[in-house]
Amino acid sequence: MKVEGLKYIIWAKDMARAAGFYRGVFDGECIRENEVVTEFRIAGSTVGIHCGGESERTWTGMAFQVADLFEGCALVKAHGGQVLREPVDTPEEPAHLAMCVDSEGNEIMLTKARHR
């Protein structure tokens, strides 16, 4: 089977707030928007946000690799999300992971490429 694309769907209680989060934090390009679903193209992948969420904490498995974790965490907070685990530099290596929650309760990770 030929796969034509990959889309990840998450839920939102407040569609406008969720769209603002993914647009503001990840500079998502809106490729579809209506009262039921909003889709963003982010780094070549599609994140679909579907209405009807309850803002319950939900693990998504989504990880966004970013150039600067500290800037990414600041953007998450500025756009209504939370940082559950701040990135920490250690003597062994620079910070490479932050655990976050978007504006709707969806848990996401911010990662930074490791250079060894």
C-alpha atoms as a PDB file:
ATOM      1  CA  MET A   1       0.000   0.000   0.000  1.00  0.00           C
ATOM      2  CA  LYS A   2       1.229   3.465  -0.852  1.00  0.00           C
ATOM      3  CA  VAL A   3       0.849   5.869   2.054  1.00  0.00           C
ATOM      4  CA  GLU A   4      -0.005   9.341   0.791  1.00  0.00           C
ATOM      5  CA  GLY A   5       0.343  11.240   4.042  1.00  0.00           C
ATOM      6  CA  LEU A   6       0.321  11.069   7.800  1.00  0.00           C
ATOM      7  CA  LYS A   7      -1.960  13.094  10.044  1.00  0.00           C
ATOM      8  CA  TYR A   8      -2.121  13.188  13.809  1.00  0.00           C
ATOM      9  CA  ILE A   9      -5.488  14.091  15.376  1.00  0.00           C
ATOM     10  CA  ILE A  10      -5.891  15.732  18.776  1.00  0.00           C
ATOM     11  CA  TRP A  11      -8.968  17.105  20.552  1.00  0.00           C
ATOM     12  CA  ALA A  12      -9.789  20.632  21.650  1.00  0.00           C
ATOM     13  CA  LYS A  13     -12.476  22.099  23.845  1.00  0.00           C
ATOM     14  CA  ASP A  14     -11.766  25.584  22.493  1.00  0.00           C
ATOM     15  CA  MET A  15     -10.851  25.395  18.800  1.00  0.00           C
ATOM     16  CA  ALA A  16      -9.767  29.036  18.500  1.00  0.00           C
ATOM     17  CA  ARG A  17      -7.503  28.735  21.549  1.00  0.00           C
ATOM     18  CA  ALA A  18      -5.976  25.489  20.247  1.00  0.00           C
ATOM     19  CA  ALA A  19      -5.425  26.945  16.777  1.00  0.00           C
ATOM     20  CA  GLY A  20      -3.753  29.980  18.332  1.00  0.00           C
ATOM     21  CA  PHE A  21      -1.454  27.687  20.309  1.00  0.00           C
ATOM     22  CA  TYR A  22      -0.247  25.635  17.319  1.00  0.00           C
ATOM     23  CA  ARG A  23       0.005  28.695  15.085  1.00  0.00           C
ATOM     24  CA  GLY A  24       1.878  30.729  17.702  1.00  0.00           C
ATOM     25  CA  VAL A  25       4.198  28.093  19.142  1.00  0.00           C
ATOM     26  CA  PHE A  26       5.044  26.061  16.046  1.00  0.00           C
ATOM     27  CA  ASP A  27       4.331  28.587  13.277  1.00  0.00           C
ATOM     28  CA  GLY A  28       1.815  26.090  11.891  1.00  0.00           C
ATOM     29  CA  GLU A  29       0.452  26.752   8.417  1.00  0.00           C
ATOM     30  CA  CYS A  30      -3.331  26.410   8.498  1.00  0.00           C
ATOM     31  CA  ILE A  31      -4.344  24.156   5.592  1.00  0.00           C
ATOM     32  CA  ARG A  32      -7.982  23.511   6.577  1.00  0.00           C
ATOM     33  CA  GLU A  33     -10.322  25.282   8.944  1.00  0.00           C
ATOM     34  CA  ASN A  34     -14.012  24.901   9.691  1.00  0.00           C
ATOM     35  CA  GLU A  35     -16.240  24.603  12.765  1.00  0.00           C
ATOM     36  CA  VAL A  36     -15.304  20.930  13.298  1.00  0.00           C
ATOM     37  CA  VAL A  37     -11.616  20.616  12.452  1.00  0.00           C
ATOM     38  CA  THR A  38      -8.564  22.779  11.925  1.00  0.00           C
ATOM     39  CA  GLU A  39      -5.450  21.313  10.318  1.00  0.00           C
ATOM     40  CA  PHE A  40      -1.928  22.657  10.442  1.00  0.00           C
ATOM     41  CA  ARG A  41       1.116  21.717   8.424  1.00  0.00           C
ATOM     42  CA  ILE A  42       4.085  21.694  10.801  1.00  0.00           C
ATOM     43  CA  ALA A  43       7.529  20.605   9.589  1.00  0.00           C
ATOM     44  CA  GLY A  44       5.987  18.594   6.746  1.00  0.00           C
ATOM     45  CA  SER A  45       3.473  16.766   8.951  1.00  0.00           C
ATOM     46  CA  THR A  46      -0.214  17.434   9.565  1.00  0.00           C
ATOM     47  CA  VAL A  47      -1.732  18.033  12.987  1.00  0.00           C
ATOM     48  CA  GLY A  48      -5.519  17.954  12.917  1.00  0.00           C
ATOM     49  CA  ILE A  49      -7.379  19.560  15.806  1.00  0.00           C
ATOM     50  CA  HIS A  50     -10.911  18.212  16.222  1.00  0.00           C
ATOM     51  CA  CYS A  51     -13.617  19.928  18.266  1.00  0.00           C
ATOM     52  CA  GLY A  52     -15.382  18.168  21.120  1.00  0.00           C
ATOM     53  CA  GLY A  53     -12.505  17.773  23.550  1.00  0.00           C
ATOM     54  CA  GLU A  54     -12.963  18.046  27.290  1.00  0.00           C
ATOM     55  CA  SER A  55      -9.564  19.626  28.109  1.00  0.00           C
ATOM     56  CA  GLU A  56      -8.641  16.438  29.977  1.00  0.00           C
ATOM     57  CA  ARG A  57      -4.939  15.678  30.296  1.00  0.00           C
ATOM     58  CA  THR A  58      -4.168  13.313  27.393  1.00  0.00           C
ATOM     59  CA  TRP A  59      -0.836  11.786  26.366  1.00  0.00           C
ATOM     60  CA  THR A  60      -0.422  12.215  22.593  1.00  0.00           C
ATOM     61  CA  GLY A  61       3.011  10.822  21.852  1.00  0.00           C
ATOM     62  CA  MET A  62       3.747  13.892  19.710  1.00  0.00           C
ATOM     63  CA  ALA A  63       7.270  15.281  19.870  1.00  0.00           C
ATOM     64  CA  PHE A  64       8.362  18.465  18.132  1.00  0.00           C
ATOM     65  CA  GLN A  65      12.093  18.785  17.467  1.00  0.00           C
ATOM     66  CA  VAL A  66      13.107  22.418  17.894  1.00  0.00           C
ATOM     67  CA  ALA A  67      16.347  24.344  17.623  1.00  0.00           C
ATOM     68  CA  ASP A  68      16.052  26.016  21.049  1.00  0.00           C
ATOM     69  CA  LEU A  69      14.244  24.210  23.879  1.00  0.00           C
ATOM     70  CA  PHE A  70      14.274  27.198  26.185  1.00  0.00           C
ATOM     71  CA  GLU A  71      12.681  29.452  23.567  1.00  0.00           C
ATOM     72  CA  GLY A  72      10.167  26.688  22.790  1.00  0.00           C
ATOM     73  CA  CYS A  73       9.165  26.414  26.450  1.00  0.00           C
ATOM     74  CA  ALA A  74       8.724  30.175  26.671  1.00  0.00           C
ATOM     75  CA  LEU A  75       6.437  30.076  23.614  1.00  0.00           C
ATOM     76  CA  VAL A  76       4.406  27.193  25.064  1.00  0.00           C
ATOM     77  CA  LYS A  77       3.782  29.239  28.219  1.00  0.00           C
ATOM     78  CA  ALA A  78       3.084  32.465  26.294  1.00  0.00           C
ATOM     79  CA  HIS A  79       0.385  30.714  24.239  1.00  0.00           C
ATOM     80  CA  GLY A  80      -1.532  29.150  27.121  1.00  0.00           C
ATOM     81  CA  GLY A  81       0.321  25.871  27.571  1.00  0.00           C
ATOM     82  CA  GLN A  82       2.331  24.523  30.477  1.00  0.00           C
ATOM     83  CA  VAL A  83       5.811  23.113  30.850  1.00  0.00           C
ATOM     84  CA  LEU A  84       5.690  20.072  33.131  1.00  0.00           C
ATOM     85  CA  ARG A  85       9.390  19.267  32.925  1.00  0.00           C
ATOM     86  CA  GLU A  86      11.717  22.113  32.088  1.00  0.00           C
ATOM     87  CA  PRO A  87      14.790  21.389  29.967  1.00  0.00           C
ATOM     88  CA  VAL A  88      17.940  21.010  32.063  1.00  0.00           C
ATOM     89  CA  ASP A  89      21.539  21.248  30.926  1.00  0.00           C
ATOM     90  CA  THR A  90      23.795  18.707  32.639  1.00  0.00           C
ATOM     91  CA  PRO A  91      27.588  18.370  32.743  1.00  0.00           C
ATOM     92  CA  GLU A  92      27.234  15.328  30.478  1.00  0.00           C
ATOM     93  CA  GLU A  93      25.140  16.974  27.750  1.00  0.00           C
ATOM     94  CA  PRO A  94      22.995  19.982  26.894  1.00  0.00           C
ATOM     95  CA  ALA A  95      19.246  19.852  27.525  1.00  0.00           C
ATOM     96  CA  HIS A  96      17.428  17.730  24.945  1.00  0.00           C
ATOM     97  CA  LEU A  97      13.850  17.265  26.262  1.00  0.00           C
ATOM     98  CA  ALA A  98      10.957  19.213  27.766  1.00  0.00           C
ATOM     99  CA  MET A  99       7.562  17.770  28.678  1.00  0.00           C
ATOM    100  CA  CYS A 100       4.702  20.166  27.922  1.00  0.00           C
ATOM    101  CA  VAL A 101       0.928  20.470  27.736  1.00  0.00           C
ATOM    102  CA  ASP A 102      -0.849  22.458  25.035  1.00  0.00           C
ATOM    103  CA  SER A 103      -3.710  24.856  25.730  1.00  0.00           C
ATOM    104  CA  GLU A 104      -6.231  21.972  25.600  1.00  0.00           C
ATOM    105  CA  GLY A 105      -4.546  19.464  27.917  1.00  0.00           C
ATOM    106  CA  ASN A 106      -2.764  17.457  25.204  1.00  0.00           C
ATOM    107  CA  GLU A 107       0.680  16.377  26.420  1.00  0.00           C
ATOM    108  CA  ILE A 108       3.503  16.976  23.942  1.00  0.00           C
ATOM    109  CA  MET A 109       7.277  16.880  24.039  1.00  0.00           C
ATOM    110  CA  LEU A 110       9.786  19.387  22.785  1.00  0.00           C
ATOM    111  CA  THR A 111      13.080  17.792  21.833  1.00  0.00           C
ATOM    112  CA  LYS A 112      16.438  19.013  20.607  1.00  0.00           C
ATOM    113  CA  ALA A 113      18.713  16.934  18.399  1.00  0.00           C
ATOM    114  CA  ARG A 114      21.613  15.407  20.281  1.00  0.00           C
ATOM    115  CA  HIS A 115      25.062  15.963  18.829  1.00  0.00           C
ATOM    116  CA  ARG A 116      27.683  13.510  19.975  1.00  0.00           C
END
